[in-house]
Amino acid sequence: MAAPNPIQVQKFLSGIDYPASKDDIVTTAEEEGADDNVLDALKQIPDQEYDGPTAVSKAVSETD
């Protein structure tokens, strides 16, 4: 499965406060109604703190 578009991922993370943990990111995406493709991609990112949307997008693109 191809990684979701970074813009698509960020759409479901609006309002999240950075730095954010992987768990916070996944939970926020779930609460915002992210589809399975986005959730699956976020669940694959390394378990660490992310300092902003760019770091999340980079992690998602590297797990493809």
N, C-alpha and C. Protein backbone atom coordinates (compact mmCIF):
# COMPACT_ATOMS: atom_id res chain seq x y z
N MET A 1 0.84 -1.18 0.00
CA MET A 1 0.00 0.00 0.00
C MET A 1 0.88 1.24 0.00
N ALA A 2 0.57 2.18 -0.84
CA ALA A 2 1.36 3.40 -0.93
C ALA A 2 1.10 4.30 0.27
N ALA A 3 2.12 5.04 0.66
CA ALA A 3 1.96 5.98 1.76
C ALA A 3 0.95 7.06 1.35
N PRO A 4 0.14 7.50 2.28
CA PRO A 4 -0.82 8.56 1.95
C PRO A 4 -0.10 9.87 1.67
N ASN A 5 -0.76 10.74 0.95
CA ASN A 5 -0.25 12.06 0.65
C ASN A 5 -0.03 12.83 1.96
N PRO A 6 1.10 13.52 2.11
CA PRO A 6 1.35 14.26 3.36
C PRO A 6 0.26 15.27 3.69
N ILE A 7 -0.33 15.88 2.67
CA ILE A 7 -1.41 16.84 2.91
C ILE A 7 -2.62 16.12 3.50
N GLN A 8 -2.89 14.93 2.99
CA GLN A 8 -4.00 14.13 3.50
C GLN A 8 -3.76 13.78 4.98
N VAL A 9 -2.53 13.40 5.31
CA VAL A 9 -2.20 13.06 6.70
C VAL A 9 -2.40 14.29 7.59
N GLN A 10 -1.88 15.43 7.19
CA GLN A 10 -1.95 16.63 8.02
C GLN A 10 -3.38 17.12 8.22
N LYS A 11 -4.26 16.83 7.26
CA LYS A 11 -5.66 17.21 7.37
C LYS A 11 -6.27 16.61 8.64
N PHE A 12 -5.84 15.41 9.01
CA PHE A 12 -6.38 14.73 10.17
C PHE A 12 -5.63 15.06 11.46
N LEU A 13 -4.60 15.88 11.35
CA LEU A 13 -3.81 16.25 12.54
C LEU A 13 -3.97 17.73 12.89
N SER A 14 -4.95 18.39 12.28
CA SER A 14 -5.14 19.81 12.59
C SER A 14 -5.53 19.95 14.06
N GLY A 15 -4.94 20.91 14.72
CA GLY A 15 -5.25 21.16 16.12
C GLY A 15 -4.37 20.42 17.10
N ILE A 16 -3.52 19.51 16.62
CA ILE A 16 -2.63 18.79 17.55
C ILE A 16 -1.53 19.73 18.03
N ASP A 17 -1.16 19.56 19.28
CA ASP A 17 -0.08 20.38 19.84
C ASP A 17 1.23 19.61 19.73
N TYR A 18 2.23 20.25 19.15
CA TYR A 18 3.57 19.67 19.03
C TYR A 18 4.45 20.25 20.12
N PRO A 19 5.41 19.51 20.65
CA PRO A 19 5.76 18.15 20.25
C PRO A 19 4.66 17.16 20.64
N ALA A 20 4.52 16.11 19.84
CA ALA A 20 3.50 15.10 20.06
C ALA A 20 4.10 13.72 19.93
N SER A 21 3.62 12.81 20.76
CA SER A 21 4.09 11.43 20.69
C SER A 21 3.37 10.69 19.57
N LYS A 22 3.91 9.56 19.19
CA LYS A 22 3.25 8.72 18.19
C LYS A 22 1.82 8.41 18.63
N ASP A 23 1.63 8.06 19.90
CA ASP A 23 0.29 7.73 20.40
C ASP A 23 -0.66 8.92 20.26
N ASP A 24 -0.17 10.13 20.58
CA ASP A 24 -1.01 11.32 20.43
C ASP A 24 -1.40 11.54 18.98
N ILE A 25 -0.45 11.32 18.08
CA ILE A 25 -0.70 11.52 16.66
C ILE A 25 -1.75 10.54 16.15
N VAL A 26 -1.59 9.26 16.49
CA VAL A 26 -2.55 8.24 16.05
C VAL A 26 -3.93 8.52 16.64
N THR A 27 -3.98 8.84 17.92
CA THR A 27 -5.27 9.11 18.58
C THR A 27 -5.96 10.32 17.95
N THR A 28 -5.21 11.38 17.70
CA THR A 28 -5.79 12.57 17.09
C THR A 28 -6.34 12.24 15.70
N ALA A 29 -5.58 11.50 14.92
CA ALA A 29 -6.04 11.13 13.57
C ALA A 29 -7.33 10.30 13.65
N GLU A 30 -7.39 9.37 14.60
CA GLU A 30 -8.60 8.56 14.77
C GLU A 30 -9.79 9.44 15.12
N GLU A 31 -9.59 10.39 16.05
CA GLU A 31 -10.66 11.28 16.47
C GLU A 31 -11.13 12.19 15.34
N GLU A 32 -10.22 12.51 14.42
CA GLU A 32 -10.56 13.38 13.29
C GLU A 32 -11.14 12.61 12.11
N GLY A 33 -11.28 11.30 12.27
CA GLY A 33 -11.92 10.50 11.22
C GLY A 33 -11.01 10.06 10.09
N ALA A 34 -9.73 9.90 10.38
CA ALA A 34 -8.79 9.47 9.35
C ALA A 34 -9.18 8.09 8.80
N ASP A 35 -8.94 7.89 7.51
CA ASP A 35 -9.24 6.60 6.90
C ASP A 35 -8.18 5.57 7.25
N ASP A 36 -8.44 4.32 6.91
CA ASP A 36 -7.53 3.22 7.27
C ASP A 36 -6.13 3.40 6.71
N ASN A 37 -6.03 3.94 5.49
CA ASN A 37 -4.73 4.14 4.86
C ASN A 37 -3.87 5.09 5.69
N VAL A 38 -4.45 6.19 6.13
CA VAL A 38 -3.73 7.17 6.95
C VAL A 38 -3.39 6.56 8.31
N LEU A 39 -4.36 5.91 8.95
CA LEU A 39 -4.10 5.31 10.26
C LEU A 39 -3.02 4.24 10.20
N ASP A 40 -3.09 3.40 9.18
CA ASP A 40 -2.07 2.36 9.03
C ASP A 40 -0.68 2.97 8.88
N ALA A 41 -0.59 4.04 8.10
CA ALA A 41 0.71 4.70 7.90
C ALA A 41 1.21 5.30 9.21
N LEU A 42 0.33 5.95 9.96
CA LEU A 42 0.75 6.57 11.22
C LEU A 42 1.14 5.52 12.26
N LYS A 43 0.50 4.37 12.22
CA LYS A 43 0.84 3.31 13.18
C LYS A 43 2.20 2.70 12.88
N GLN A 44 2.73 2.95 11.68
CA GLN A 44 4.04 2.40 11.28
C GLN A 44 5.20 3.31 11.62
N ILE A 45 4.92 4.57 11.97
CA ILE A 45 6.03 5.49 12.24
C ILE A 45 6.73 5.11 13.55
N PRO A 46 8.00 5.48 13.69
CA PRO A 46 8.74 5.15 14.93
C PRO A 46 8.07 5.77 16.16
N ASP A 47 8.18 5.07 17.28
CA ASP A 47 7.60 5.52 18.53
C ASP A 47 8.53 6.54 19.17
N GLN A 48 8.27 7.81 18.90
CA GLN A 48 9.10 8.90 19.41
C GLN A 48 8.28 10.17 19.44
N GLU A 49 8.89 11.26 19.91
CA GLU A 49 8.24 12.56 19.91
C GLU A 49 8.50 13.22 18.55
N TYR A 50 7.47 13.87 18.03
CA TYR A 50 7.58 14.59 16.76
C TYR A 50 7.40 16.07 17.04
N ASP A 51 8.31 16.88 16.47
CA ASP A 51 8.30 18.31 16.80
C ASP A 51 7.42 19.15 15.88
N GLY A 52 6.85 18.55 14.86
CA GLY A 52 5.97 19.31 13.98
C GLY A 52 5.47 18.47 12.82
N PRO A 53 4.59 19.06 12.02
CA PRO A 53 4.00 18.33 10.89
C PRO A 53 5.02 17.80 9.90
N THR A 54 6.10 18.53 9.69
CA THR A 54 7.12 18.09 8.74
C THR A 54 7.77 16.79 9.21
N ALA A 55 8.02 16.69 10.50
CA ALA A 55 8.63 15.47 11.05
C ALA A 55 7.70 14.27 10.88
N VAL A 56 6.40 14.49 11.07
CA VAL A 56 5.44 13.40 10.89
C VAL A 56 5.40 12.98 9.42
N SER A 57 5.31 13.94 8.52
CA SER A 57 5.28 13.63 7.09
C SER A 57 6.52 12.88 6.65
N LYS A 58 7.68 13.29 7.16
CA LYS A 58 8.94 12.63 6.82
C LYS A 58 8.93 11.18 7.32
N ALA A 59 8.45 10.96 8.55
CA ALA A 59 8.40 9.60 9.11
C ALA A 59 7.47 8.73 8.31
N VAL A 60 6.33 9.26 7.90
CA VAL A 60 5.36 8.49 7.10
C VAL A 60 5.98 8.11 5.76
N SER A 61 6.67 9.04 5.12
CA SER A 61 7.26 8.76 3.81
C SER A 61 8.38 7.74 3.91
N GLU A 62 9.06 7.68 5.05
CA GLU A 62 10.17 6.74 5.23
C GLU A 62 9.72 5.33 5.58
N THR A 63 8.46 5.16 5.97
CA THR A 63 7.97 3.83 6.32
C THR A 63 7.36 3.12 5.14
N ASP A 64 7.26 3.79 4.02
CA ASP A 64 6.65 3.20 2.82
C ASP A 64 7.41 2.01 2.33
